[in-house]
Amino acid sequence: MINNVDIINLVCKSAAKRIIYLPHAVRQMSRPDRMISATDIRNVVATGEVVEDYPEDARGHSCLILGYGTDGAPIHVVCSPKSDYLAIITAYHPSAEEWEYGFKKRKRR
């Protein structure tokens, strides 16, 4: 089983080769209320913290990383490390309505 340190190492290793943005990620990052840049994504990947791990994801092992944009705003990035690239599945600014303080744990419904 891969732990959070191992998955973040895989993410960084894959990102160093190439980052690919899936269409859903591009749509989400380009929304006027979000506007998340590629620089923000690179910062989250390089300095962020894994808050959820999805080893059985249909797209391959993926994870949710919490980091911060250049403006200091929190950003969640869902990504999947591959041997030749890092696939960015989606990215968004987490909502305080859905996440507990610190944006590391989902609120119970």
Protein backbone atom coordinates (compact mmCIF):
# COMPACT_ATOMS: atom_id res chain seq x y z
CA MET A 1 0.00 0.00 0.00
CA ILE A 2 1.26 3.47 -0.89
CA ASN A 3 1.29 6.04 1.91
CA ASN A 4 0.90 9.83 1.56
CA VAL A 5 4.67 10.42 1.40
CA ASP A 6 5.02 7.86 -1.39
CA ILE A 7 2.10 9.26 -3.41
CA ILE A 8 3.36 12.85 -3.13
CA ASN A 9 6.81 11.66 -4.25
CA LEU A 10 5.21 9.97 -7.27
CA VAL A 11 3.22 13.12 -8.00
CA CYS A 12 6.34 15.32 -7.89
CA LYS A 13 8.37 12.87 -9.98
CA SER A 14 5.63 12.71 -12.63
CA ALA A 15 5.14 16.50 -12.60
CA ALA A 16 8.86 17.02 -13.21
CA LYS A 17 8.47 15.17 -16.52
CA ARG A 18 5.28 16.80 -17.76
CA ILE A 19 1.88 17.99 -16.57
CA ILE A 20 -1.20 17.26 -18.65
CA TYR A 21 -4.50 19.00 -17.92
CA LEU A 22 -7.56 16.89 -18.65
CA PRO A 23 -10.48 18.76 -20.29
CA HIS A 24 -12.49 18.82 -17.04
CA ALA A 25 -9.56 20.45 -15.23
CA VAL A 26 -9.21 23.12 -17.92
CA ARG A 27 -12.94 23.92 -17.71
CA GLN A 28 -12.85 24.15 -13.91
CA MET A 29 -9.66 26.23 -13.81
CA SER A 30 -11.03 28.66 -16.41
CA ARG A 31 -14.28 29.48 -14.65
CA PRO A 32 -14.49 33.20 -13.88
CA ASP A 33 -15.12 32.49 -10.19
CA ARG A 34 -12.02 30.27 -10.00
CA MET A 35 -9.32 31.33 -12.48
CA ILE A 36 -6.61 28.94 -11.30
CA SER A 37 -3.36 29.27 -13.24
CA ALA A 38 -0.85 26.64 -14.30
CA THR A 39 1.60 28.38 -11.93
CA ASP A 40 -0.88 27.83 -9.08
CA ILE A 41 -1.16 24.14 -10.00
CA ARG A 42 2.62 23.71 -10.05
CA ASN A 43 2.84 25.40 -6.64
CA VAL A 44 0.17 23.13 -5.15
CA VAL A 45 1.86 20.03 -6.56
CA ALA A 46 5.31 21.12 -5.32
CA THR A 47 4.32 22.28 -1.84
CA GLY A 48 0.90 20.80 -1.10
CA GLU A 49 -0.31 18.10 1.23
CA VAL A 50 -2.25 14.96 0.31
CA VAL A 51 -5.62 15.11 2.06
CA GLU A 52 -7.34 12.20 0.31
CA ASP A 53 -5.92 9.19 -1.49
CA TYR A 54 -7.83 7.26 -4.16
CA PRO A 55 -5.83 4.08 -4.90
CA GLU A 56 -8.77 2.41 -6.67
CA ASP A 57 -9.75 5.34 -8.93
CA ALA A 58 -10.91 4.24 -12.38
CA ARG A 59 -8.41 6.69 -13.92
CA GLY A 60 -5.56 5.09 -11.99
CA HIS A 61 -4.21 5.84 -8.55
CA SER A 62 -4.99 9.48 -7.80
CA CYS A 63 -5.07 11.86 -4.86
CA LEU A 64 -6.45 15.17 -3.65
CA ILE A 65 -3.79 17.71 -2.74
CA LEU A 66 -4.37 20.88 -0.74
CA GLY A 67 -2.08 23.79 -1.48
CA TYR A 68 -2.21 27.53 -2.02
CA GLY A 69 -2.22 29.78 -5.04
CA THR A 70 0.09 32.71 -5.59
CA ASP A 71 -2.58 34.90 -3.98
CA GLY A 72 -2.68 32.69 -0.87
CA ALA A 73 -6.10 31.20 -1.67
CA PRO A 74 -6.54 27.48 -0.89
CA ILE A 75 -6.69 25.17 -3.91
CA HIS A 76 -7.58 21.51 -4.18
CA VAL A 77 -5.98 19.59 -7.04
CA VAL A 78 -6.99 16.05 -7.96
CA CYS A 79 -4.23 14.42 -9.92
CA SER A 80 -3.00 11.04 -11.06
CA PRO A 81 0.72 10.30 -11.41
CA LYS A 82 1.70 8.30 -14.49
CA SER A 83 5.14 7.07 -15.54
CA ASP A 84 5.62 9.86 -18.10
CA TYR A 85 3.41 12.67 -16.81
CA LEU A 86 1.09 13.97 -14.10
CA ALA A 87 -2.57 14.08 -15.11
CA ILE A 88 -4.47 16.98 -13.54
CA ILE A 89 -8.05 15.73 -13.23
CA THR A 90 -9.56 18.83 -11.65
CA ALA A 91 -8.69 21.87 -9.57
CA TYR A 92 -10.92 24.16 -7.53
CA HIS A 93 -11.10 26.50 -4.56
CA PRO A 94 -12.60 24.43 -1.72
CA SER A 95 -15.79 25.72 -0.12
CA ALA A 96 -16.10 26.31 3.62
CA GLU A 97 -19.61 24.88 3.28
CA GLU A 98 -18.24 21.48 2.22
CA TRP A 99 -14.91 21.38 4.07
CA GLU A 100 -13.96 21.80 7.71
CA TYR A 101 -11.61 24.59 8.78
CA GLY A 102 -8.30 24.14 7.01
CA PHE A 103 -9.90 22.40 4.00
CA LYS A 104 -8.37 19.01 4.90
CA LYS A 105 -11.49 17.12 5.95
CA ARG A 106 -14.94 16.98 4.38
CA LYS A 107 -17.85 18.02 6.56
CA ARG A 108 -20.28 15.29 7.49
CA ARG A 109 -23.69 15.58 5.93
